[in-house]
PDB file of all heavy atoms in Angstrom:
ATOM      1  N   HIS A   1      -0.085 -25.568  12.604  1.00  0.00           N
ATOM      2  CA  HIS A   1       0.078 -26.100  11.244  1.00  0.00           C
ATOM      3  C   HIS A   1      -1.264 -26.092  10.508  1.00  0.00           C
ATOM      4  O   HIS A   1      -1.325 -25.777   9.320  1.00  0.00           O
ATOM      5  CB  HIS A   1       0.649 -27.501  11.300  1.00  0.00           C
ATOM      6  CG  HIS A   1       0.820 -28.156   9.949  1.00  0.00           C
ATOM      7  ND1 HIS A   1       1.806 -27.718   9.100  1.00  0.00           N
ATOM      8  CD2 HIS A   1       0.135 -29.111   9.274  1.00  0.00           C
ATOM      9  CE1 HIS A   1       1.749 -28.413   7.954  1.00  0.00           C
ATOM     10  NE2 HIS A   1       0.792 -29.269   8.104  1.00  0.00           N
ATOM     11  N   GLU A   2      -2.348 -26.322  11.173  1.00  0.00           N
ATOM     12  CA  GLU A   2      -3.653 -26.470  10.522  1.00  0.00           C
ATOM     13  C   GLU A   2      -4.172 -25.065  10.070  1.00  0.00           C
ATOM     14  O   GLU A   2      -5.113 -24.966   9.249  1.00  0.00           O
ATOM     15  CB  GLU A   2      -4.760 -27.186  11.344  1.00  0.00           C
ATOM     16  CG  GLU A   2      -4.982 -26.559  12.655  1.00  0.00           C
ATOM     17  CD  GLU A   2      -4.027 -27.055  13.754  1.00  0.00           C
ATOM     18  OE1 GLU A   2      -3.138 -27.821  13.544  1.00  0.00           O
ATOM     19  OE2 GLU A   2      -4.216 -26.689  14.910  1.00  0.00           O
ATOM     20  N   ASP A   3      -3.670 -23.964  10.690  1.00  0.00           N
ATOM     21  CA  ASP A   3      -4.037 -22.622  10.301  1.00  0.00           C
ATOM     22  C   ASP A   3      -3.044 -21.912   9.476  1.00  0.00           C
ATOM     23  O   ASP A   3      -3.188 -20.698   9.168  1.00  0.00           O
ATOM     24  CB  ASP A   3      -4.244 -21.761  11.601  1.00  0.00           C
ATOM     25  CG  ASP A   3      -5.406 -22.370  12.379  1.00  0.00           C
ATOM     26  OD1 ASP A   3      -6.332 -22.875  11.877  1.00  0.00           O
ATOM     27  OD2 ASP A   3      -5.307 -22.239  13.685  1.00  0.00           O
ATOM     28  N   ALA A   4      -2.037 -22.647   8.975  1.00  0.00           N
ATOM     29  CA  ALA A   4      -0.918 -21.916   8.236  1.00  0.00           C
ATOM     30  C   ALA A   4      -1.348 -21.303   7.035  1.00  0.00           C
ATOM     31  O   ALA A   4      -0.939 -20.247   6.615  1.00  0.00           O
ATOM     32  CB  ALA A   4       0.217 -23.017   8.007  1.00  0.00           C
ATOM     33  N   GLY A   5      -2.278 -21.953   6.212  1.00  0.00           N
ATOM     34  CA  GLY A   5      -2.719 -21.445   4.987  1.00  0.00           C
ATOM     35  C   GLY A   5      -3.535 -20.163   5.198  1.00  0.00           C
ATOM     36  O   GLY A   5      -3.258 -19.164   4.463  1.00  0.00           O
ATOM     37  N   SER A   6      -4.360 -20.103   6.095  1.00  0.00           N
ATOM     38  CA  SER A   6      -5.194 -18.919   6.402  1.00  0.00           C
ATOM     39  C   SER A   6      -4.277 -17.816   6.952  1.00  0.00           C
ATOM     40  O   SER A   6      -4.469 -16.615   6.569  1.00  0.00           O
ATOM     41  CB  SER A   6      -6.230 -19.228   7.482  1.00  0.00           C
ATOM     42  OG  SER A   6      -7.138 -20.138   6.949  1.00  0.00           O
ATOM     43  N   ALA A   7      -3.359 -18.099   7.770  1.00  0.00           N
ATOM     44  CA  ALA A   7      -2.433 -17.080   8.332  1.00  0.00           C
ATOM     45  C   ALA A   7      -1.537 -16.521   7.228  1.00  0.00           C
ATOM     46  O   ALA A   7      -1.272 -15.296   7.231  1.00  0.00           O
ATOM     47  CB  ALA A   7      -1.597 -17.667   9.525  1.00  0.00           C
ATOM     48  N   SER A   8      -1.063 -17.352   6.398  1.00  0.00           N
ATOM     49  CA  SER A   8      -0.250 -16.841   5.289  1.00  0.00           C
ATOM     50  C   SER A   8      -1.068 -15.956   4.330  1.00  0.00           C
ATOM     51  O   SER A   8      -0.579 -14.827   3.889  1.00  0.00           O
ATOM     52  CB  SER A   8       0.321 -18.055   4.501  1.00  0.00           C
ATOM     53  OG  SER A   8       1.055 -17.630   3.306  1.00  0.00           O
ATOM     54  N   GLY A   9      -2.244 -16.352   4.081  1.00  0.00           N
ATOM     55  CA  GLY A   9      -3.138 -15.518   3.163  1.00  0.00           C
ATOM     56  C   GLY A   9      -3.406 -14.077   3.868  1.00  0.00           C
ATOM     57  O   GLY A   9      -3.395 -13.105   3.172  1.00  0.00           O
ATOM     58  N   LEU A  10      -3.721 -14.167   5.168  1.00  0.00           N
ATOM     59  CA  LEU A  10      -3.989 -12.907   5.850  1.00  0.00           C
ATOM     60  C   LEU A  10      -2.698 -12.021   5.914  1.00  0.00           C
ATOM     61  O   LEU A  10      -2.787 -10.820   5.657  1.00  0.00           O
ATOM     62  CB  LEU A  10      -4.434 -13.239   7.272  1.00  0.00           C
ATOM     63  CG  LEU A  10      -4.750 -11.982   8.115  1.00  0.00           C
ATOM     64  CD1 LEU A  10      -5.866 -11.153   7.572  1.00  0.00           C
ATOM     65  CD2 LEU A  10      -5.119 -12.470   9.503  1.00  0.00           C
ATOM     66  N   PHE A  11      -1.553 -12.627   6.160  1.00  0.00           N
ATOM     67  CA  PHE A  11      -0.357 -11.895   6.151  1.00  0.00           C
ATOM     68  C   PHE A  11      -0.038 -11.219   4.822  1.00  0.00           C
ATOM     69  O   PHE A  11       0.273 -10.019   4.726  1.00  0.00           O
ATOM     70  CB  PHE A  11       0.868 -12.862   6.552  1.00  0.00           C
ATOM     71  CG  PHE A  11       2.159 -12.144   6.586  1.00  0.00           C
ATOM     72  CD1 PHE A  11       2.683 -11.467   7.642  1.00  0.00           C
ATOM     73  CD2 PHE A  11       2.997 -12.289   5.422  1.00  0.00           C
ATOM     74  CE1 PHE A  11       3.824 -10.776   7.611  1.00  0.00           C
ATOM     75  CE2 PHE A  11       4.262 -11.664   5.387  1.00  0.00           C
ATOM     76  CZ  PHE A  11       4.647 -10.893   6.497  1.00  0.00           C
ATOM     77  N   ASN A  12      -0.157 -11.908   3.758  1.00  0.00           N
ATOM     78  CA  ASN A  12       0.031 -11.422   2.430  1.00  0.00           C
ATOM     79  C   ASN A  12      -0.952 -10.308   2.047  1.00  0.00           C
ATOM     80  O   ASN A  12      -0.640  -9.331   1.456  1.00  0.00           O
ATOM     81  CB  ASN A  12      -0.055 -12.493   1.358  1.00  0.00           C
ATOM     82  CG  ASN A  12       1.199 -13.342   1.376  1.00  0.00           C
ATOM     83  OD1 ASN A  12       2.343 -12.832   1.583  1.00  0.00           O
ATOM     84  ND2 ASN A  12       1.120 -14.657   1.247  1.00  0.00           N
ATOM     85  N   THR A  13      -2.193 -10.495   2.461  1.00  0.00           N
ATOM     86  CA  THR A  13      -3.197  -9.437   2.230  1.00  0.00           C
ATOM     87  C   THR A  13      -2.839  -8.125   2.978  1.00  0.00           C
ATOM     88  O   THR A  13      -2.894  -7.085   2.353  1.00  0.00           O
ATOM     89  CB  THR A  13      -4.675  -9.970   2.668  1.00  0.00           C
ATOM     90  OG1 THR A  13      -4.930 -11.167   1.938  1.00  0.00           O
ATOM     91  CG2 THR A  13      -5.653  -8.943   2.435  1.00  0.00           C
ATOM     92  N   VAL A  14      -2.495  -8.329   4.220  1.00  0.00           N
ATOM     93  CA  VAL A  14      -2.121  -7.127   4.942  1.00  0.00           C
ATOM     94  C   VAL A  14      -0.887  -6.436   4.334  1.00  0.00           C
ATOM     95  O   VAL A  14      -0.788  -5.191   4.313  1.00  0.00           O
ATOM     96  CB  VAL A  14      -1.930  -7.425   6.424  1.00  0.00           C
ATOM     97  CG1 VAL A  14      -1.393  -6.304   7.226  1.00  0.00           C
ATOM     98  CG2 VAL A  14      -3.323  -7.912   7.105  1.00  0.00           C
ATOM     99  N   MET A  15       0.061  -7.220   3.987  1.00  0.00           N
ATOM    100  CA  MET A  15       1.294  -6.610   3.375  1.00  0.00           C
ATOM    101  C   MET A  15       0.897  -5.900   2.061  1.00  0.00           C
ATOM    102  O   MET A  15       1.361  -4.755   1.906  1.00  0.00           O
ATOM    103  CB  MET A  15       2.278  -7.675   3.084  1.00  0.00           C
ATOM    104  CG  MET A  15       2.983  -8.369   4.204  1.00  0.00           C
ATOM    105  SD  MET A  15       4.014  -7.171   5.091  1.00  0.00           S
ATOM    106  CE  MET A  15       5.337  -6.986   3.957  1.00  0.00           C
ATOM    107  N   HIS A  16       0.154  -6.437   1.248  1.00  0.00           N
ATOM    108  CA  HIS A  16      -0.290  -5.735  -0.008  1.00  0.00           C
ATOM    109  C   HIS A  16      -1.074  -4.527   0.276  1.00  0.00           C
ATOM    110  O   HIS A  16      -1.006  -3.479  -0.347  1.00  0.00           O
ATOM    111  CB  HIS A  16      -0.942  -6.741  -1.000  1.00  0.00           C
ATOM    112  CG  HIS A  16      -0.010  -7.691  -1.661  1.00  0.00           C
ATOM    113  ND1 HIS A  16       0.111  -8.997  -1.198  1.00  0.00           N
ATOM    114  CD2 HIS A  16       0.818  -7.554  -2.630  1.00  0.00           C
ATOM    115  CE1 HIS A  16       0.999  -9.616  -1.927  1.00  0.00           C
ATOM    116  NE2 HIS A  16       1.479  -8.757  -2.852  1.00  0.00           N
ATOM    117  N   LEU A  17      -2.042  -4.626   1.272  1.00  0.00           N
ATOM    118  CA  LEU A  17      -2.768  -3.452   1.652  1.00  0.00           C
ATOM    119  C   LEU A  17      -1.913  -2.328   2.108  1.00  0.00           C
ATOM    120  O   LEU A  17      -2.040  -1.163   1.759  1.00  0.00           O
ATOM    121  CB  LEU A  17      -3.797  -3.879   2.715  1.00  0.00           C
ATOM    122  CG  LEU A  17      -4.770  -2.711   3.203  1.00  0.00           C
ATOM    123  CD1 LEU A  17      -5.558  -2.228   2.053  1.00  0.00           C
ATOM    124  CD2 LEU A  17      -5.555  -3.219   4.371  1.00  0.00           C
ATOM    125  N   GLY A  18      -0.872  -2.655   2.887  1.00  0.00           N
ATOM    126  CA  GLY A  18       0.063  -1.689   3.401  1.00  0.00           C
ATOM    127  C   GLY A  18       0.844  -1.062   2.248  1.00  0.00           C
ATOM    128  O   GLY A  18       1.053   0.144   2.294  1.00  0.00           O
ATOM    129  N   ILE A  19       1.269  -1.818   1.320  1.00  0.00           N
ATOM    130  CA  ILE A  19       1.966  -1.295   0.147  1.00  0.00           C
ATOM    131  C   ILE A  19       1.122  -0.389  -0.624  1.00  0.00           C
ATOM    132  O   ILE A  19       1.543   0.715  -1.053  1.00  0.00           O
ATOM    133  CB  ILE A  19       2.582  -2.432  -0.695  1.00  0.00           C
ATOM    134  CG1 ILE A  19       3.671  -3.223   0.037  1.00  0.00           C
ATOM    135  CG2 ILE A  19       3.038  -1.968  -2.070  1.00  0.00           C
ATOM    136  CD1 ILE A  19       4.030  -4.563  -0.576  1.00  0.00           C
ATOM    137  N   ALA A  20      -0.134  -0.776  -0.862  1.00  0.00           N
ATOM    138  CA  ALA A  20      -1.069   0.059  -1.663  1.00  0.00           C
ATOM    139  C   ALA A  20      -1.353   1.374  -0.942  1.00  0.00           C
ATOM    140  O   ALA A  20      -1.353   2.421  -1.547  1.00  0.00           O
ATOM    141  CB  ALA A  20      -2.325  -0.729  -1.860  1.00  0.00           C
ATOM    142  N   LEU A  21      -1.562   1.322   0.383  1.00  0.00           N
ATOM    143  CA  LEU A  21      -1.823   2.630   1.157  1.00  0.00           C
ATOM    144  C   LEU A  21      -0.596   3.480   1.168  1.00  0.00           C
ATOM    145  O   LEU A  21      -0.677   4.686   1.037  1.00  0.00           O
ATOM    146  CB  LEU A  21      -2.284   2.231   2.549  1.00  0.00           C
ATOM    147  CG  LEU A  21      -3.742   1.627   2.614  1.00  0.00           C
ATOM    148  CD1 LEU A  21      -4.025   1.251   4.081  1.00  0.00           C
ATOM    149  CD2 LEU A  21      -4.743   2.776   2.231  1.00  0.00           C
ATOM    150  N   GLY A  22       0.598   2.901   1.348  1.00  0.00           N
ATOM    151  CA  GLY A  22       1.826   3.591   1.346  1.00  0.00           C
ATOM    152  C   GLY A  22       2.044   4.344  -0.001  1.00  0.00           C
ATOM    153  O   GLY A  22       2.384   5.512  -0.111  1.00  0.00           O
ATOM    154  N   THR A  23       1.782   3.620  -1.094  1.00  0.00           N
ATOM    155  CA  THR A  23       1.952   4.229  -2.411  1.00  0.00           C
ATOM    156  C   THR A  23       0.974   5.346  -2.633  1.00  0.00           C
ATOM    157  O   THR A  23       1.293   6.343  -3.197  1.00  0.00           O
ATOM    158  CB  THR A  23       1.734   3.105  -3.473  1.00  0.00           C
ATOM    159  OG1 THR A  23       2.670   1.987  -3.247  1.00  0.00           O
ATOM    160  CG2 THR A  23       1.985   3.647  -4.872  1.00  0.00           C
ATOM    161  N   ALA A  24      -0.253   5.118  -2.231  1.00  0.00           N
ATOM    162  CA  ALA A  24      -1.288   6.142  -2.362  1.00  0.00           C
ATOM    163  C   ALA A  24      -1.004   7.365  -1.576  1.00  0.00           C
ATOM    164  O   ALA A  24      -1.118   8.516  -2.060  1.00  0.00           O
ATOM    165  CB  ALA A  24      -2.686   5.583  -1.987  1.00  0.00           C
ATOM    166  N   LEU A  25      -0.519   7.216  -0.315  1.00  0.00           N
ATOM    167  CA  LEU A  25      -0.201   8.363   0.496  1.00  0.00           C
ATOM    168  C   LEU A  25       1.038   9.109  -0.050  1.00  0.00           C
ATOM    169  O   LEU A  25       1.055  10.280  -0.029  1.00  0.00           O
ATOM    170  CB  LEU A  25      -0.017   7.995   1.950  1.00  0.00           C
ATOM    171  CG  LEU A  25      -1.287   7.504   2.656  1.00  0.00           C
ATOM    172  CD1 LEU A  25      -0.934   6.971   4.041  1.00  0.00           C
ATOM    173  CD2 LEU A  25      -2.194   8.641   2.745  1.00  0.00           C
ATOM    174  N   THR A  26       1.955   8.315  -0.598  1.00  0.00           N
ATOM    175  CA  THR A  26       3.144   9.013  -1.196  1.00  0.00           C
ATOM    176  C   THR A  26       2.805   9.743  -2.365  1.00  0.00           C
ATOM    177  O   THR A  26       3.264  10.938  -2.541  1.00  0.00           O
ATOM    178  CB  THR A  26       4.204   7.852  -1.540  1.00  0.00           C
ATOM    179  OG1 THR A  26       4.629   7.133  -0.345  1.00  0.00           O
ATOM    180  CG2 THR A  26       5.446   8.535  -2.079  1.00  0.00           C
ATOM    181  N   ALA A  27       1.971   9.194  -3.211  1.00  0.00           N
ATOM    182  CA  ALA A  27       1.481   9.958  -4.400  1.00  0.00           C
ATOM    183  C   ALA A  27       0.626  11.184  -4.007  1.00  0.00           C
ATOM    184  O   ALA A  27       0.745  12.243  -4.541  1.00  0.00           O
ATOM    185  CB  ALA A  27       0.592   9.070  -5.251  1.00  0.00           C
ATOM    186  N   LEU A  28      -0.072  11.051  -2.950  1.00  0.00           N
ATOM    187  CA  LEU A  28      -0.878  12.179  -2.473  1.00  0.00           C
ATOM    188  C   LEU A  28       0.000  13.352  -1.970  1.00  0.00           C
ATOM    189  O   LEU A  28      -0.206  14.513  -2.391  1.00  0.00           O
ATOM    190  CB  LEU A  28      -1.793  11.762  -1.278  1.00  0.00           C
ATOM    191  CG  LEU A  28      -2.585  12.845  -0.582  1.00  0.00           C
ATOM    192  CD1 LEU A  28      -3.771  13.215  -1.492  1.00  0.00           C
ATOM    193  CD2 LEU A  28      -3.143  12.339   0.716  1.00  0.00           C
ATOM    194  N   VAL A  29       1.094  13.057  -1.309  1.00  0.00           N
ATOM    195  CA  VAL A  29       2.039  14.073  -0.863  1.00  0.00           C
ATOM    196  C   VAL A  29       2.733  14.659  -2.051  1.00  0.00           C
ATOM    197  O   VAL A  29       2.858  15.979  -2.193  1.00  0.00           O
ATOM    198  CB  VAL A  29       3.087  13.515   0.144  1.00  0.00           C
ATOM    199  CG1 VAL A  29       4.215  14.525   0.429  1.00  0.00           C
ATOM    200  CG2 VAL A  29       2.327  13.141   1.465  1.00  0.00           C
ATOM    201  N   PHE A  30       3.162  13.795  -3.052  1.00  0.00           N
ATOM    202  CA  PHE A  30       3.778  14.311  -4.194  1.00  0.00           C
ATOM    203  C   PHE A  30       2.951  15.311  -5.047  1.00  0.00           C
ATOM    204  O   PHE A  30       3.363  16.382  -5.437  1.00  0.00           O
ATOM    205  CB  PHE A  30       4.326  13.104  -5.027  1.00  0.00           C
ATOM    206  CG  PHE A  30       4.973  13.568  -6.270  1.00  0.00           C
ATOM    207  CD1 PHE A  30       6.324  13.919  -6.264  1.00  0.00           C
ATOM    208  CD2 PHE A  30       4.303  13.568  -7.546  1.00  0.00           C
ATOM    209  CE1 PHE A  30       6.971  14.336  -7.416  1.00  0.00           C
ATOM    210  CE2 PHE A  30       5.032  13.959  -8.706  1.00  0.00           C
ATOM    211  CZ  PHE A  30       6.330  14.331  -8.679  1.00  0.00           C
ATOM    212  N   PHE A  31       1.722  14.806  -5.366  1.00  0.00           N
ATOM    213  CA  PHE A  31       0.878  15.628  -6.224  1.00  0.00           C
ATOM    214  C   PHE A  31       0.306  16.833  -5.490  1.00  0.00           C
ATOM    215  O   PHE A  31      -0.003  17.856  -6.069  1.00  0.00           O
ATOM    216  CB  PHE A  31      -0.218  14.771  -6.823  1.00  0.00           C
ATOM    217  CG  PHE A  31       0.327  13.854  -7.903  1.00  0.00           C
ATOM    218  CD1 PHE A  31       0.330  12.483  -7.799  1.00  0.00           C
ATOM    219  CD2 PHE A  31       0.832  14.418  -9.138  1.00  0.00           C
ATOM    220  CE1 PHE A  31       0.850  11.666  -8.720  1.00  0.00           C
ATOM    221  CE2 PHE A  31       1.342  13.582 -10.088  1.00  0.00           C
ATOM    222  CZ  PHE A  31       1.359  12.222  -9.900  1.00  0.00           C
ATOM    223  N   ALA A  32       0.196  16.768  -4.117  1.00  0.00           N
ATOM    224  CA  ALA A  32      -0.140  18.019  -3.399  1.00  0.00           C
ATOM    225  C   ALA A  32       0.923  19.067  -3.466  1.00  0.00           C
ATOM    226  O   ALA A  32       0.655  20.240  -3.560  1.00  0.00           O
ATOM    227  CB  ALA A  32      -0.424  17.591  -1.946  1.00  0.00           C
ATOM    228  N   ALA A  33       2.217  18.571  -3.489  1.00  0.00           N
ATOM    229  CA  ALA A  33       3.290  19.479  -3.619  1.00  0.00           C
ATOM    230  C   ALA A  33       3.509  20.040  -4.975  1.00  0.00           C
ATOM    231  O   ALA A  33       3.885  21.135  -5.155  1.00  0.00           O
ATOM    232  CB  ALA A  33       4.634  18.812  -3.131  1.00  0.00           C
ATOM    233  N   THR A  34       3.084  19.298  -6.023  1.00  0.00           N
ATOM    234  CA  THR A  34       3.391  19.822  -7.406  1.00  0.00           C
ATOM    235  C   THR A  34       2.164  20.424  -7.986  1.00  0.00           C
ATOM    236  O   THR A  34       2.191  21.262  -8.890  1.00  0.00           O
ATOM    237  CB  THR A  34       3.753  18.663  -8.397  1.00  0.00           C
ATOM    238  OG1 THR A  34       2.696  17.692  -8.442  1.00  0.00           O
ATOM    239  CG2 THR A  34       5.081  17.988  -7.985  1.00  0.00           C
ATOM    240  N   GLY A  35       0.958  20.018  -7.483  1.00  0.00           N
ATOM    241  CA  GLY A  35      -0.269  20.529  -8.051  1.00  0.00           C
ATOM    242  C   GLY A  35      -0.497  20.110  -9.478  1.00  0.00           C
ATOM    243  O   GLY A  35      -1.291  20.693 -10.298  1.00  0.00           O
ATOM    244  N   GLY A  36       0.172  18.985  -9.850  1.00  0.00           N
ATOM    245  CA  GLY A  36       0.011  18.435 -11.236  1.00  0.00           C
ATOM    246  C   GLY A  36       0.898  19.159 -12.286  1.00  0.00           C
ATOM    247  O   GLY A  36       0.707  18.912 -13.447  1.00  0.00           O
ATOM    248  N   SER A  37       1.773  19.992 -11.821  1.00  0.00           N
ATOM    249  CA  SER A  37       2.630  20.750 -12.759  1.00  0.00           C
ATOM    250  C   SER A  37       3.660  19.846 -13.369  1.00  0.00           C
ATOM    251  O   SER A  37       4.167  18.922 -12.787  1.00  0.00           O
ATOM    252  CB  SER A  37       3.262  21.874 -11.960  1.00  0.00           C
ATOM    253  OG  SER A  37       4.229  22.535 -12.837  1.00  0.00           O
ATOM    254  N   ALA A  38       4.070  20.247 -14.599  1.00  0.00           N
ATOM    255  CA  ALA A  38       5.093  19.413 -15.307  1.00  0.00           C
ATOM    256  C   ALA A  38       6.461  20.142 -15.112  1.00  0.00           C
ATOM    257  O   ALA A  38       7.450  19.700 -15.721  1.00  0.00           O
ATOM    258  CB  ALA A  38       4.798  19.319 -16.723  1.00  0.00           C
ATOM    259  N   ASP A  39       6.552  21.157 -14.312  1.00  0.00           N
ATOM    260  CA  ASP A  39       7.787  21.860 -14.082  1.00  0.00           C
ATOM    261  C   ASP A  39       8.846  20.979 -13.399  1.00  0.00           C
ATOM    262  O   ASP A  39       8.540  20.388 -12.259  1.00  0.00           O
ATOM    263  CB  ASP A  39       7.553  23.143 -13.239  1.00  0.00           C
ATOM    264  CG  ASP A  39       8.755  23.964 -12.923  1.00  0.00           C
ATOM    265  OD1 ASP A  39       9.674  23.949 -13.841  1.00  0.00           O
ATOM    266  OD2 ASP A  39       8.867  24.506 -11.818  1.00  0.00           O
TER     267      ASP A  39
END
């Protein structure tokens, strides 16, 4: 109970970091495949 606030903050930080990295890697694959083309 005394560590609940820190653990929750760490959990949320890691979740957001994972979402940001996943989004960045997905965009990397997408733009590598398109080369920035509007086709």
